[in-house]
Protein backbone atom coordinates (compact mmCIF):
# COMPACT_ATOMS: atom_id res chain seq x y z
CA MET A 1 183.87 233.67 151.46
CA ASN A 2 183.69 237.17 150.01
CA ALA A 3 183.00 240.36 151.97
CA LYS A 4 179.30 240.43 151.10
CA GLU A 5 178.78 236.88 152.36
CA LYS A 6 180.70 237.66 155.57
CA ASN A 7 178.56 240.73 156.26
CA LEU A 8 175.35 238.82 155.58
CA ASN A 9 176.55 235.98 157.81
CA LYS A 10 177.10 238.47 160.65
CA LEU A 11 173.57 239.77 160.11
CA TYR A 12 172.17 236.24 160.30
CA GLN A 13 174.12 235.56 163.50
CA ALA A 14 172.76 238.77 165.02
CA ARG A 15 169.22 237.74 164.08
CA VAL A 16 169.67 234.34 165.74
CA ALA A 17 171.17 235.97 168.85
CA HIS A 18 168.20 238.32 169.03
CA LEU A 19 165.71 235.44 168.79
CA LYS A 20 167.56 233.53 171.54
CA TRP A 21 167.54 236.62 173.74
CA VAL A 22 163.77 237.14 173.32
CA ASN A 23 163.11 233.44 173.97
CA THR A 24 165.23 233.52 177.13
CA ILE A 25 163.18 236.46 178.39
CA LYS A 26 160.04 234.46 177.58
CA LEU A 27 161.30 231.57 179.72
CA LEU A 28 162.12 233.94 182.56
CA VAL A 29 158.73 235.66 182.50
CA SER A 30 156.85 232.36 182.20
CA GLY A 31 158.28 231.29 185.54
CA LEU A 32 160.96 228.84 184.49
CA LYS A 33 164.30 229.06 186.19
CA VAL A 34 166.80 230.77 183.90
CA ASP A 35 170.49 231.05 184.62
CA LYS A 36 171.40 234.71 184.98
CA SER A 37 174.44 234.17 182.76
CA HIS A 38 172.12 233.54 179.79
CA LEU A 39 170.72 237.04 180.12
CA THR A 40 172.84 240.09 179.47
CA LEU A 41 172.73 243.22 181.54
CA PRO A 42 170.18 245.69 180.25
CA ILE A 43 172.85 247.50 178.24
CA ILE A 44 172.56 247.40 174.46
CA GLN A 45 176.28 247.04 173.79
CA GLU A 46 176.51 244.04 176.13
CA SER A 47 174.11 241.99 174.00
CA ASP A 48 175.15 240.12 170.87
CA VAL A 49 172.74 242.02 168.63
CA GLY A 50 173.81 245.35 170.14
CA ALA A 51 177.48 244.53 169.66
CA TRP A 52 176.75 243.62 166.03
CA TYR A 53 174.79 246.82 165.50
CA TYR A 54 177.41 249.16 166.95
CA THR A 55 180.43 247.44 165.39
CA ASP A 56 179.28 246.10 162.02
CA ALA A 57 175.88 247.40 160.96
CA ILE A 58 176.51 251.05 161.76
CA GLN A 59 179.31 251.08 159.17
CA PHE A 60 176.70 250.73 156.42
CA SER A 61 175.25 254.14 157.31
CA GLN A 62 177.70 255.66 154.85
CA PHE A 63 175.65 254.09 152.06
CA LYS A 64 171.86 254.17 151.57
CA SER A 65 171.06 252.45 154.87
CA GLN A 66 171.21 255.35 157.30
CA SER A 67 167.46 255.78 157.82
CA ILE A 68 166.80 252.07 158.43
CA LEU A 69 169.75 251.92 160.84
CA GLU A 70 168.42 254.89 162.80
CA GLU A 71 165.03 253.19 163.07
CA MET A 72 166.70 249.96 164.20
CA GLU A 73 168.65 251.85 166.85
CA SER A 74 165.55 253.53 168.27
CA ILE A 75 163.77 250.15 168.42
CA LEU A 76 166.80 248.58 170.13
CA GLU A 77 166.88 251.38 172.70
CA GLU A 78 163.17 251.02 173.42
CA MET A 79 163.48 247.23 173.68
CA PHE A 80 166.36 247.45 176.12
CA SER A 81 164.67 250.09 178.26
CA THR A 82 161.68 247.73 178.55
CA TYR A 83 164.03 244.82 179.25
CA ALA A 84 165.67 246.86 182.02
CA LYS A 85 162.31 246.93 183.79
CA ILE A 86 162.01 243.13 183.59
CA TYR A 87 165.63 242.75 184.70
CA GLU A 88 164.93 244.98 187.69
CA ILE A 89 161.92 242.89 188.71
CA TYR A 90 163.79 239.60 188.59
CA PHE A 91 167.39 240.40 189.48
CA THR A 92 167.73 243.65 191.41
CA ARG A 93 165.08 243.23 194.07
CA LYS A 94 165.99 244.19 197.61
CA GLN A 95 165.65 241.41 200.14
CA SER A 96 164.39 241.96 203.62
CA THR A 97 167.15 242.57 206.14
CA LEU A 98 166.28 239.55 208.28
CA LYS A 99 166.27 237.13 205.33
CA SER A 100 169.54 238.48 203.94
CA PHE A 101 171.10 238.28 207.43
CA LEU A 102 170.08 234.64 207.73
CA GLY A 103 171.37 233.93 204.21
CA MET A 104 167.96 233.10 202.83
CA LYS A 105 167.12 234.16 199.31
CA ASP A 106 163.71 235.68 198.76
CA ILE A 107 162.90 234.83 195.16
CA SER A 108 159.13 235.00 195.39
CA LEU A 109 157.48 237.64 193.26
CA SER A 110 154.12 239.19 193.88
CA ARG A 111 151.27 238.58 191.47
CA HIS A 112 151.47 242.23 190.44
CA GLU A 113 155.17 241.91 189.57
CA ILE A 114 154.56 238.77 187.52
CA THR A 115 151.73 240.47 185.61
CA LEU A 116 153.84 243.56 185.08
CA ALA A 117 156.77 241.50 183.76
CA ALA A 118 154.40 239.67 181.39
CA ARG A 119 153.14 243.00 180.03
CA TYR A 120 156.70 244.21 179.55
CA TYR A 121 157.46 240.99 177.71
CA GLU A 122 154.48 241.56 175.41
CA ASP A 123 155.90 245.01 174.62
CA ILE A 124 159.27 243.43 173.87
CA VAL A 125 157.62 240.91 171.52
CA LYS A 126 155.91 243.72 169.59
CA LEU A 127 159.16 245.66 169.36
CA SER A 128 161.01 242.49 168.41
CA ASN A 129 158.64 241.84 165.52
CA THR A 130 159.18 245.39 164.29
CA PHE A 131 162.94 244.98 164.72
CA LYS A 132 162.92 241.70 162.75
CA GLY A 133 161.09 243.51 159.94
CA LYS A 134 163.75 246.22 159.94
CA LEU A 135 166.45 243.54 159.93
CA HIS A 136 164.80 242.00 156.88
CA MET A 137 164.73 245.38 155.12
CA PHE A 138 168.39 245.93 156.01
CA GLU A 139 169.21 242.47 154.68
CA ARG A 140 167.56 243.32 151.35
CA GLN A 141 169.56 246.55 151.20
CA MET A 142 172.76 244.62 151.88
CA LEU A 143 171.89 242.11 149.16
CA ALA A 144 171.33 244.96 146.69
CA MET A 145 174.70 246.53 147.47
CA GLN A 146 177.68 245.95 145.24
CA GLU A 147 180.57 243.80 146.41
CA SER A 148 182.82 246.88 146.28
CA GLU A 149 180.72 248.58 148.98
CA HIS A 150 181.01 245.51 151.19
CA VAL A 151 184.77 245.49 150.60
CA LEU A 152 184.95 249.13 151.76
CA VAL A 153 183.28 248.17 155.02
CA SER A 154 185.56 245.17 155.49
CA HIS A 155 188.63 247.35 154.82
CA PHE A 156 187.42 249.69 157.53
CA GLU A 157 187.10 246.73 159.92
CA VAL A 158 190.63 245.57 159.10
CA ALA A 159 191.99 249.07 159.72
CA GLU A 160 190.22 249.22 163.09
CA GLU A 161 191.56 245.79 164.07
CA GLU A 162 195.09 246.82 163.13
CA LYS A 163 194.75 249.93 165.30
CA ALA A 164 193.49 247.87 168.22
CA VAL A 165 196.29 245.31 167.99
CA GLN A 166 199.51 247.25 167.76
CA PRO A 167 202.74 245.28 167.80
CA LYS A 168 204.88 245.54 170.88
CA LYS A 169 207.97 247.68 170.56
CA MET A 170 211.22 245.84 170.42
CA VAL A 171 213.27 246.43 173.53
CA THR A 172 216.98 246.30 173.02
CA PRO A 173 218.80 244.25 175.62
CA VAL A 174 220.90 246.23 178.07
CA LYS A 175 224.52 245.23 178.49
CA GLU A 176 225.25 244.36 182.05
CA GLU A 177 228.19 245.99 183.69
CA SER A 178 230.12 243.78 186.03
CA ASN A 179 231.16 246.49 188.51
CA TYR A 180 227.81 248.20 188.78
CA SER A 181 226.10 248.05 192.16
CA TYR A 182 222.42 248.75 192.67
CA GLY A 183 220.92 250.77 195.45
CA PRO A 184 220.67 254.30 196.77
CA ARG A 185 224.45 254.87 196.91
CA SER A 186 225.42 253.41 193.58
CA ARG A 187 227.67 255.50 191.33
């Protein structure tokens, strides 16, 4: 697999991760029970698509893709700020003192909160459609790029990985002395 195919594969994986994320939010807002582990915190870098954007995609800004990447970033930020509102409704609600003292979980939401979460989800869907369009444009730009440009990006990734994983220094073994005593009054 050459560098261009690897980069496109990462883009496709990010697209799939984004679709799964939006569908999980849809399940949550529609009232189905969703495991909290399937939803990331409302932090862009914690999500799969955000991790892809800030580690892989942003490296293409050195070529002709800077404007599309800036637009994608602003859409991502807006999507995650909207998602933070949904996350707050469903996961960071304060329980009444009596119910929390008795160990009861109050998971009921008011009709207003459910309607509000549904509206936020509609906003996320609109932003998601725009984001998918930008992803498609970015994909076409990546397809139009030469293999040498993709190799430059992959060399940068390899250099970053080598920096992150530095070999441990070799420690020379110390010769033990037979008459050496340890403690505060040694030698």
